[in-house]
Amino acid sequence: WYRQAPGKQRELVASITEGGSTNYADSVKGRFTIS
């Protein structure tokens, strides 16, 4: 998932590989969960 707020660039929120490895933006760590 990416997100884009008004007037801002699109930013990566979170990603997940087929094997389940995840990556999160610092701003959402601990609050968002990707699956």
PDB file of all heavy atoms in Angstrom:
ATOM      1  N   TRP A   1       0.836  -1.200   0.000  1.00  0.00           N
ATOM      2  CA  TRP A   1       0.000   0.000   0.000  1.00  0.00           C
ATOM      3  C   TRP A   1       0.874   1.254   0.000  1.00  0.00           C
ATOM      4  O   TRP A   1       1.870   1.337   0.736  1.00  0.00           O
ATOM      5  CB  TRP A   1      -0.895   0.033   1.240  1.00  0.00           C
ATOM      6  CG  TRP A   1      -1.840  -1.111   1.325  1.00  0.00           C
ATOM      7  CD1 TRP A   1      -1.618  -2.337   1.882  1.00  0.00           C
ATOM      8  CD2 TRP A   1      -3.177  -1.129   0.822  1.00  0.00           C
ATOM      9  NE1 TRP A   1      -2.735  -3.122   1.752  1.00  0.00           N
ATOM     10  CE2 TRP A   1      -3.711  -2.404   1.113  1.00  0.00           C
ATOM     11  CE3 TRP A   1      -3.987  -0.200   0.172  1.00  0.00           C
ATOM     12  CZ2 TRP A   1      -5.010  -2.768   0.762  1.00  0.00           C
ATOM     13  CZ3 TRP A   1      -5.279  -0.557  -0.168  1.00  0.00           C
ATOM     14  CH2 TRP A   1      -5.781  -1.831   0.122  1.00  0.00           C
ATOM     15  N   TYR A   2       0.479   2.207  -0.819  1.00  0.00           N
ATOM     16  CA  TYR A   2       0.998   3.554  -0.780  1.00  0.00           C
ATOM     17  C   TYR A   2      -0.163   4.463  -0.368  1.00  0.00           C
ATOM     18  O   TYR A   2      -1.323   4.052  -0.403  1.00  0.00           O
ATOM     19  CB  TYR A   2       1.498   4.009  -2.158  1.00  0.00           C
ATOM     20  CG  TYR A   2       2.880   3.558  -2.521  1.00  0.00           C
ATOM     21  CD1 TYR A   2       3.145   2.238  -2.851  1.00  0.00           C
ATOM     22  CD2 TYR A   2       3.933   4.466  -2.573  1.00  0.00           C
ATOM     23  CE1 TYR A   2       4.422   1.826  -3.210  1.00  0.00           C
ATOM     24  CE2 TYR A   2       5.215   4.076  -2.927  1.00  0.00           C
ATOM     25  CZ  TYR A   2       5.442   2.756  -3.256  1.00  0.00           C
ATOM     26  OH  TYR A   2       6.708   2.355  -3.609  1.00  0.00           O
ATOM     27  N   ARG A   3       0.171   5.688  -0.009  1.00  0.00           N
ATOM     28  CA  ARG A   3      -0.874   6.692   0.215  1.00  0.00           C
ATOM     29  C   ARG A   3      -0.394   8.043  -0.285  1.00  0.00           C
ATOM     30  O   ARG A   3       0.806   8.296  -0.360  1.00  0.00           O
ATOM     31  CB  ARG A   3      -1.258   6.772   1.694  1.00  0.00           C
ATOM     32  CG  ARG A   3      -0.178   7.316   2.617  1.00  0.00           C
ATOM     33  CD  ARG A   3      -0.643   7.232   4.070  1.00  0.00           C
ATOM     34  NE  ARG A   3       0.381   7.746   4.982  1.00  0.00           N
ATOM     35  CZ  ARG A   3       0.278   7.678   6.314  1.00  0.00           C
ATOM     36  NH1 ARG A   3      -0.787   7.112   6.876  1.00  0.00           N
ATOM     37  NH2 ARG A   3       1.240   8.173   7.073  1.00  0.00           N
ATOM     38  N   GLN A   4      -1.373   8.878  -0.607  1.00  0.00           N
ATOM     39  CA  GLN A   4      -1.067  10.226  -1.063  1.00  0.00           C
ATOM     40  C   GLN A   4      -2.061  11.201  -0.451  1.00  0.00           C
ATOM     41  O   GLN A   4      -3.268  11.108  -0.694  1.00  0.00           O
ATOM     42  CB  GLN A   4      -1.102  10.326  -2.581  1.00  0.00           C
ATOM     43  CG  GLN A   4      -0.615  11.658  -3.114  1.00  0.00           C
ATOM     44  CD  GLN A   4      -0.323  11.625  -4.599  1.00  0.00           C
ATOM     45  OE1 GLN A   4      -0.819  10.770  -5.333  1.00  0.00           O
ATOM     46  NE2 GLN A   4       0.502  12.548  -5.065  1.00  0.00           N
ATOM     47  N   ALA A   5      -1.537  12.096   0.349  1.00  0.00           N
ATOM     48  CA  ALA A   5      -2.347  13.149   0.953  1.00  0.00           C
ATOM     49  C   ALA A   5      -2.323  14.372   0.033  1.00  0.00           C
ATOM     50  O   ALA A   5      -1.404  14.536  -0.770  1.00  0.00           O
ATOM     51  CB  ALA A   5      -1.791  13.508   2.328  1.00  0.00           C
ATOM     52  N   PRO A   6      -3.318  15.251   0.150  1.00  0.00           N
ATOM     53  CA  PRO A   6      -3.360  16.439  -0.706  1.00  0.00           C
ATOM     54  C   PRO A   6      -2.090  17.272  -0.587  1.00  0.00           C
ATOM     55  O   PRO A   6      -1.634  17.576   0.516  1.00  0.00           O
ATOM     56  CB  PRO A   6      -4.577  17.195  -0.169  1.00  0.00           C
ATOM     57  CG  PRO A   6      -5.437  16.152   0.436  1.00  0.00           C
ATOM     58  CD  PRO A   6      -4.495  15.143   1.013  1.00  0.00           C
ATOM     59  N   GLY A   7      -1.503  17.608  -1.724  1.00  0.00           N
ATOM     60  CA  GLY A   7      -0.310  18.435  -1.737  1.00  0.00           C
ATOM     61  C   GLY A   7       0.968  17.723  -1.370  1.00  0.00           C
ATOM     62  O   GLY A   7       2.027  18.358  -1.248  1.00  0.00           O
ATOM     63  N   LYS A   8       0.908  16.399  -1.186  1.00  0.00           N
ATOM     64  CA  LYS A   8       2.096  15.646  -0.798  1.00  0.00           C
ATOM     65  C   LYS A   8       2.389  14.568  -1.823  1.00  0.00           C
ATOM     66  O   LYS A   8       1.538  14.172  -2.608  1.00  0.00           O
ATOM     67  CB  LYS A   8       1.907  15.027   0.595  1.00  0.00           C
ATOM     68  CG  LYS A   8       1.776  16.052   1.709  1.00  0.00           C
ATOM     69  CD  LYS A   8       1.793  15.369   3.062  1.00  0.00           C
ATOM     70  CE  LYS A   8       1.757  16.395   4.185  1.00  0.00           C
ATOM     71  NZ  LYS A   8       1.794  15.730   5.532  1.00  0.00           N
ATOM     72  N   GLN A   9       3.628  14.076  -1.763  1.00  0.00           N
ATOM     73  CA  GLN A   9       4.011  12.988  -2.649  1.00  0.00           C
ATOM     74  C   GLN A   9       3.449  11.671  -2.156  1.00  0.00           C
ATOM     75  O   GLN A   9       3.179  11.491  -0.962  1.00  0.00           O
ATOM     76  CB  GLN A   9       5.540  12.902  -2.729  1.00  0.00           C
ATOM     77  CG  GLN A   9       6.189  14.050  -3.495  1.00  0.00           C
ATOM     78  CD  GLN A   9       7.661  13.813  -3.737  1.00  0.00           C
ATOM     79  OE1 GLN A   9       8.326  13.134  -2.953  1.00  0.00           O
ATOM     80  NE2 GLN A   9       8.181  14.365  -4.823  1.00  0.00           N
ATOM     81  N   ARG A  10       3.297  10.750  -3.090  1.00  0.00           N
ATOM     82  CA  ARG A  10       2.860   9.408  -2.721  1.00  0.00           C
ATOM     83  C   ARG A  10       3.963   8.747  -1.901  1.00  0.00           C
ATOM     84  O   ARG A  10       5.146   8.830  -2.252  1.00  0.00           O
ATOM     85  CB  ARG A  10       2.562   8.589  -3.973  1.00  0.00           C
ATOM     86  CG  ARG A  10       1.861   7.286  -3.727  1.00  0.00           C
ATOM     87  CD  ARG A  10       1.479   6.586  -5.025  1.00  0.00           C
ATOM     88  NE  ARG A  10       0.443   7.312  -5.753  1.00  0.00           N
ATOM     89  CZ  ARG A  10      -0.238   6.792  -6.770  1.00  0.00           C
ATOM     90  NH1 ARG A  10       0.013   5.548  -7.171  1.00  0.00           N
ATOM     91  NH2 ARG A  10      -1.136   7.518  -7.405  1.00  0.00           N
ATOM     92  N   GLU A  11       3.588   8.091  -0.818  1.00  0.00           N
ATOM     93  CA  GLU A  11       4.569   7.445   0.053  1.00  0.00           C
ATOM     94  C   GLU A  11       4.181   6.003   0.323  1.00  0.00           C
ATOM     95  O   GLU A  11       2.993   5.657   0.386  1.00  0.00           O
ATOM     96  CB  GLU A  11       4.701   8.196   1.381  1.00  0.00           C
ATOM     97  CG  GLU A  11       3.449   8.212   2.229  1.00  0.00           C
ATOM     98  CD  GLU A  11       3.659   8.815   3.622  1.00  0.00           C
ATOM     99  OE1 GLU A  11       4.800   9.104   3.991  1.00  0.00           O
ATOM    100  OE2 GLU A  11       2.656   8.975   4.336  1.00  0.00           O
ATOM    101  N   LEU A  12       5.205   5.171   0.489  1.00  0.00           N
ATOM    102  CA  LEU A  12       4.971   3.771   0.820  1.00  0.00           C
ATOM    103  C   LEU A  12       4.490   3.675   2.265  1.00  0.00           C
ATOM    104  O   LEU A  12       5.104   4.232   3.175  1.00  0.00           O
ATOM    105  CB  LEU A  12       6.248   2.964   0.645  1.00  0.00           C
ATOM    106  CG  LEU A  12       6.163   1.489   1.020  1.00  0.00           C
ATOM    107  CD1 LEU A  12       5.235   0.731   0.071  1.00  0.00           C
ATOM    108  CD2 LEU A  12       7.556   0.862   1.005  1.00  0.00           C
ATOM    109  N   VAL A  13       3.412   2.957   2.459  1.00  0.00           N
ATOM    110  CA  VAL A  13       2.885   2.717   3.800  1.00  0.00           C
ATOM    111  C   VAL A  13       3.391   1.382   4.331  1.00  0.00           C
ATOM    112  O   VAL A  13       3.930   1.303   5.439  1.00  0.00           O
ATOM    113  CB  VAL A  13       1.348   2.728   3.793  1.00  0.00           C
ATOM    114  CG1 VAL A  13       0.805   2.397   5.179  1.00  0.00           C
ATOM    115  CG2 VAL A  13       0.824   4.063   3.304  1.00  0.00           C
ATOM    116  N   ALA A  14       3.190   0.325   3.552  1.00  0.00           N
ATOM    117  CA  ALA A  14       3.599  -1.002   3.976  1.00  0.00           C
ATOM    118  C   ALA A  14       3.663  -1.920   2.768  1.00  0.00           C
ATOM    119  O   ALA A  14       2.942  -1.717   1.788  1.00  0.00           O
ATOM    120  CB  ALA A  14       2.624  -1.575   5.011  1.00  0.00           C
ATOM    121  N   SER A  15       4.517  -2.929   2.872  1.00  0.00           N
ATOM    122  CA  SER A  15       4.606  -3.933   1.827  1.00  0.00           C
ATOM    123  C   SER A  15       4.800  -5.297   2.461  1.00  0.00           C
ATOM    124  O   SER A  15       5.250  -5.406   3.617  1.00  0.00           O
ATOM    125  CB  SER A  15       5.756  -3.632   0.862  1.00  0.00           C
ATOM    126  OG  SER A  15       6.999  -3.699   1.531  1.00  0.00           O
ATOM    127  N   ILE A  16       4.471  -6.340   1.690  1.00  0.00           N
ATOM    128  CA  ILE A  16       4.611  -7.698   2.184  1.00  0.00           C
ATOM    129  C   ILE A  16       4.985  -8.611   1.030  1.00  0.00           C
ATOM    130  O   ILE A  16       4.419  -8.519  -0.059  1.00  0.00           O
ATOM    131  CB  ILE A  16       3.316  -8.172   2.891  1.00  0.00           C
ATOM    132  CG1 ILE A  16       3.494  -9.556   3.502  1.00  0.00           C
ATOM    133  CG2 ILE A  16       2.114  -8.115   1.953  1.00  0.00           C
ATOM    134  CD1 ILE A  16       2.370  -9.937   4.468  1.00  0.00           C
ATOM    135  N   THR A  17       5.968  -9.467   1.277  1.00  0.00           N
ATOM    136  CA  THR A  17       6.372 -10.415   0.249  1.00  0.00           C
ATOM    137  C   THR A  17       5.477 -11.647   0.277  1.00  0.00           C
ATOM    138  O   THR A  17       4.689 -11.851   1.207  1.00  0.00           O
ATOM    139  CB  THR A  17       7.825 -10.855   0.461  1.00  0.00           C
ATOM    140  OG1 THR A  17       7.894 -11.636   1.668  1.00  0.00           O
ATOM    141  CG2 THR A  17       8.761  -9.668   0.569  1.00  0.00           C
ATOM    142  N   GLU A  18       5.653 -12.479  -0.730  1.00  0.00           N
ATOM    143  CA  GLU A  18       4.873 -13.713  -0.796  1.00  0.00           C
ATOM    144  C   GLU A  18       5.177 -14.606   0.411  1.00  0.00           C
ATOM    145  O   GLU A  18       4.310 -15.327   0.893  1.00  0.00           O
ATOM    146  CB  GLU A  18       5.200 -14.439  -2.092  1.00  0.00           C
ATOM    147  CG  GLU A  18       4.278 -15.600  -2.424  1.00  0.00           C
ATOM    148  CD  GLU A  18       4.591 -16.206  -3.771  1.00  0.00           C
ATOM    149  OE1 GLU A  18       5.624 -15.849  -4.369  1.00  0.00           O
ATOM    150  OE2 GLU A  18       3.794 -17.032  -4.238  1.00  0.00           O
ATOM    151  N   GLY A  19       6.394 -14.505   0.921  1.00  0.00           N
ATOM    152  CA  GLY A  19       6.786 -15.298   2.079  1.00  0.00           C
ATOM    153  C   GLY A  19       6.386 -14.694   3.410  1.00  0.00           C
ATOM    154  O   GLY A  19       6.602 -15.310   4.465  1.00  0.00           O
ATOM    155  N   GLY A  20       5.821 -13.479   3.377  1.00  0.00           N
ATOM    156  CA  GLY A  20       5.319 -12.876   4.606  1.00  0.00           C
ATOM    157  C   GLY A  20       6.229 -11.853   5.249  1.00  0.00           C
ATOM    158  O   GLY A  20       5.909 -11.328   6.322  1.00  0.00           O
ATOM    159  N   SER A  21       7.344 -11.518   4.616  1.00  0.00           N
ATOM    160  CA  SER A  21       8.205 -10.467   5.165  1.00  0.00           C
ATOM    161  C   SER A  21       7.546  -9.110   4.945  1.00  0.00           C
ATOM    162  O   SER A  21       7.041  -8.838   3.855  1.00  0.00           O
ATOM    163  CB  SER A  21       9.571 -10.494   4.492  1.00  0.00           C
ATOM    164  OG  SER A  21      10.238 -11.700   4.772  1.00  0.00           O
ATOM    165  N   THR A  22       7.581  -8.291   5.978  1.00  0.00           N
ATOM    166  CA  THR A  22       6.878  -7.013   5.929  1.00  0.00           C
ATOM    167  C   THR A  22       7.822  -5.833   6.086  1.00  0.00           C
ATOM    168  O   THR A  22       8.916  -5.947   6.649  1.00  0.00           O
ATOM    169  CB  THR A  22       5.803  -6.937   7.023  1.00  0.00           C
ATOM    170  OG1 THR A  22       6.431  -7.104   8.307  1.00  0.00           O
ATOM    171  CG2 THR A  22       4.748  -8.019   6.840  1.00  0.00           C
ATOM    172  N   ASN A  23       7.349  -4.692   5.606  1.00  0.00           N
ATOM    173  CA  ASN A  23       8.084  -3.442   5.719  1.00  0.00           C
ATOM    174  C   ASN A  23       7.060  -2.337   5.938  1.00  0.00           C
ATOM    175  O   ASN A  23       6.010  -2.332   5.286  1.00  0.00           O
ATOM    176  CB  ASN A  23       8.875  -3.180   4.432  1.00  0.00           C
ATOM    177  CG  ASN A  23       9.662  -1.887   4.503  1.00  0.00           C
ATOM    178  OD1 ASN A  23      10.387  -1.649   5.454  1.00  0.00           O
ATOM    179  ND2 ASN A  23       9.511  -1.047   3.494  1.00  0.00           N
ATOM    180  N   TYR A  24       7.361  -1.441   6.892  1.00  0.00           N
ATOM    181  CA  TYR A  24       6.422  -0.378   7.236  1.00  0.00           C
ATOM    182  C   TYR A  24       7.110   0.988   7.222  1.00  0.00           C
ATOM    183  O   TYR A  24       8.290   1.103   7.572  1.00  0.00           O
ATOM    184  CB  TYR A  24       5.845  -0.583   8.636  1.00  0.00           C
ATOM    185  CG  TYR A  24       4.984  -1.803   8.796  1.00  0.00           C
ATOM    186  CD1 TYR A  24       5.514  -3.001   9.246  1.00  0.00           C
ATOM    187  CD2 TYR A  24       3.615  -1.739   8.523  1.00  0.00           C
ATOM    188  CE1 TYR A  24       4.721  -4.117   9.404  1.00  0.00           C
ATOM    189  CE2 TYR A  24       2.809  -2.852   8.680  1.00  0.00           C
ATOM    190  CZ  TYR A  24       3.367  -4.038   9.130  1.00  0.00           C
ATOM    191  OH  TYR A  24       2.575  -5.144   9.283  1.00  0.00           O
ATOM    192  N   ALA A  25       6.348   2.008   6.879  1.00  0.00           N
ATOM    193  CA  ALA A  25       6.815   3.370   7.087  1.00  0.00           C
ATOM    194  C   ALA A  25       6.908   3.622   8.587  1.00  0.00           C
ATOM    195  O   ALA A  25       6.095   3.099   9.371  1.00  0.00           O
ATOM    196  CB  ALA A  25       5.850   4.367   6.447  1.00  0.00           C
ATOM    197  N   ASP A  26       7.878   4.421   8.991  1.00  0.00           N
ATOM    198  CA  ASP A  26       8.056   4.701  10.426  1.00  0.00           C
ATOM    199  C   ASP A  26       6.793   5.306  11.028  1.00  0.00           C
ATOM    200  O   ASP A  26       6.475   5.043  12.189  1.00  0.00           O
ATOM    201  CB  ASP A  26       9.229   5.662  10.624  1.00  0.00           C
ATOM    202  CG  ASP A  26      10.571   5.006  10.383  1.00  0.00           C
ATOM    203  OD1 ASP A  26      10.647   3.756  10.388  1.00  0.00           O
ATOM    204  OD2 ASP A  26      11.560   5.731  10.182  1.00  0.00           O
ATOM    205  N   SER A  27       6.080   6.088  10.245  1.00  0.00           N
ATOM    206  CA  SER A  27       4.914   6.800  10.767  1.00  0.00           C
ATOM    207  C   SER A  27       3.745   5.884  11.121  1.00  0.00           C
ATOM    208  O   SER A  27       2.823   6.300  11.826  1.00  0.00           O
ATOM    209  CB  SER A  27       4.441   7.849   9.750  1.00  0.00           C
ATOM    210  OG  SER A  27       4.121   7.231   8.515  1.00  0.00           O
ATOM    211  N   VAL A  28       3.771   4.639  10.636  1.00  0.00           N
ATOM    212  CA  VAL A  28       2.650   3.730  10.902  1.00  0.00           C
ATOM    213  C   VAL A  28       3.046   2.510  11.706  1.00  0.00           C
ATOM    214  O   VAL A  28       2.176   1.702  12.077  1.00  0.00           O
ATOM    215  CB  VAL A  28       1.975   3.278   9.587  1.00  0.00           C
ATOM    216  CG1 VAL A  28       1.574   4.481   8.743  1.00  0.00           C
ATOM    217  CG2 VAL A  28       2.850   2.322   8.800  1.00  0.00           C
ATOM    218  N   LYS A  29       4.325   2.370  12.004  1.00  0.00           N
ATOM    219  CA  LYS A  29       4.778   1.199  12.772  1.00  0.00           C
ATOM    220  C   LYS A  29       4.079   1.150  14.115  1.00  0.00           C
ATOM    221  O   LYS A  29       3.964   2.154  14.818  1.00  0.00           O
ATOM    222  CB  LYS A  29       6.294   1.267  12.980  1.00  0.00           C
ATOM    223  CG  LYS A  29       7.099   0.872  11.757  1.00  0.00           C
ATOM    224  CD  LYS A  29       8.589   0.949  12.034  1.00  0.00           C
ATOM    225  CE  LYS A  29       9.390   0.581  10.802  1.00  0.00           C
ATOM    226  NZ  LYS A  29      10.852   0.737  11.016  1.00  0.00           N
ATOM    227  N   GLY A  30       3.613  -0.041  14.474  1.00  0.00           N
ATOM    228  CA  GLY A  30       2.921  -0.232  15.738  1.00  0.00           C
ATOM    229  C   GLY A  30       1.434   0.069  15.673  1.00  0.00           C
ATOM    230  O   GLY A  30       0.705  -0.241  16.617  1.00  0.00           O
ATOM    231  N   ARG A  31       0.981   0.678  14.573  1.00  0.00           N
ATOM    232  CA  ARG A  31      -0.448   1.007  14.429  1.00  0.00           C
ATOM    233  C   ARG A  31      -1.093   0.260  13.269  1.00  0.00           C
ATOM    234  O   ARG A  31      -2.270  -0.106  13.346  1.00  0.00           O
ATOM    235  CB  ARG A  31      -0.625   2.513  14.205  1.00  0.00           C
ATOM    236  CG  ARG A  31      -0.083   3.362  15.325  1.00  0.00           C
ATOM    237  CD  ARG A  31      -0.460   4.839  15.140  1.00  0.00           C
ATOM    238  NE  ARG A  31       0.103   5.408  13.925  1.00  0.00           N
ATOM    239  CZ  ARG A  31      -0.623   5.954  12.950  1.00  0.00           C
ATOM    240  NH1 ARG A  31      -1.951   5.985  13.043  1.00  0.00           N
ATOM    241  NH2 ARG A  31      -0.025   6.470  11.882  1.00  0.00           N
ATOM    242  N   PHE A  32      -0.350   0.052  12.195  1.00  0.00           N
ATOM    243  CA  PHE A  32      -0.875  -0.621  11.008  1.00  0.00           C
ATOM    244  C   PHE A  32      -0.271  -2.019  10.904  1.00  0.00           C
ATOM    245  O   PHE A  32       0.897  -2.226  11.259  1.00  0.00           O
ATOM    246  CB  PHE A  32      -0.517   0.150   9.744  1.00  0.00           C
ATOM    247  CG  PHE A  32      -1.213   1.478   9.572  1.00  0.00           C
ATOM    248  CD1 PHE A  32      -1.944   2.063  10.596  1.00  0.00           C
ATOM    249  CD2 PHE A  32      -1.132   2.141   8.366  1.00  0.00           C
ATOM    250  CE1 PHE A  32      -2.578   3.282  10.441  1.00  0.00           C
ATOM    251  CE2 PHE A  32      -1.750   3.364   8.171  1.00  0.00           C
ATOM    252  CZ  PHE A  32      -2.473   3.937   9.218  1.00  0.00           C
ATOM    253  N   THR A  33      -1.057  -2.949  10.381  1.00  0.00           N
ATOM    254  CA  THR A  33      -0.583  -4.306  10.142  1.00  0.00           C
ATOM    255  C   THR A  33      -0.973  -4.740   8.742  1.00  0.00           C
ATOM    256  O   THR A  33      -2.147  -4.675   8.379  1.00  0.00           O
ATOM    257  CB  THR A  33      -1.167  -5.290  11.158  1.00  0.00           C
ATOM    258  OG1 THR A  33      -0.823  -4.881  12.479  1.00  0.00           O
ATOM    259  CG2 THR A  33      -0.616  -6.693  10.916  1.00  0.00           C
ATOM    260  N   ILE A  34       0.013  -5.165   7.974  1.00  0.00           N
ATOM    261  CA  ILE A  34      -0.247  -5.666   6.628  1.00  0.00           C
ATOM    262  C   ILE A  34      -0.222  -7.187   6.655  1.00  0.00           C
ATOM    263  O   ILE A  34       0.576  -7.796   7.379  1.00  0.00           O
ATOM    264  CB  ILE A  34       0.778  -5.105   5.614  1.00  0.00           C
ATOM    265  CG1 ILE A  34       0.351  -5.430   4.184  1.00  0.00           C
ATOM    266  CG2 ILE A  34       2.193  -5.601   5.906  1.00  0.00           C
ATOM    267  CD1 ILE A  34       1.167  -4.684   3.126  1.00  0.00           C
ATOM    268  N   SER A  35      -1.108  -7.792   5.879  1.00  0.00           N
ATOM    269  CA  SER A  35      -1.149  -9.246   5.768  1.00  0.00           C
ATOM    270  C   SER A  35      -1.637  -9.600   4.364  1.00  0.00           C
ATOM    271  O   SER A  35      -2.095  -8.727   3.624  1.00  0.00           O
ATOM    272  CB  SER A  35      -2.070  -9.850   6.837  1.00  0.00           C
ATOM    273  OG  SER A  35      -3.392  -9.360   6.689  1.00  0.00           O
TER     274      SER A  35
END
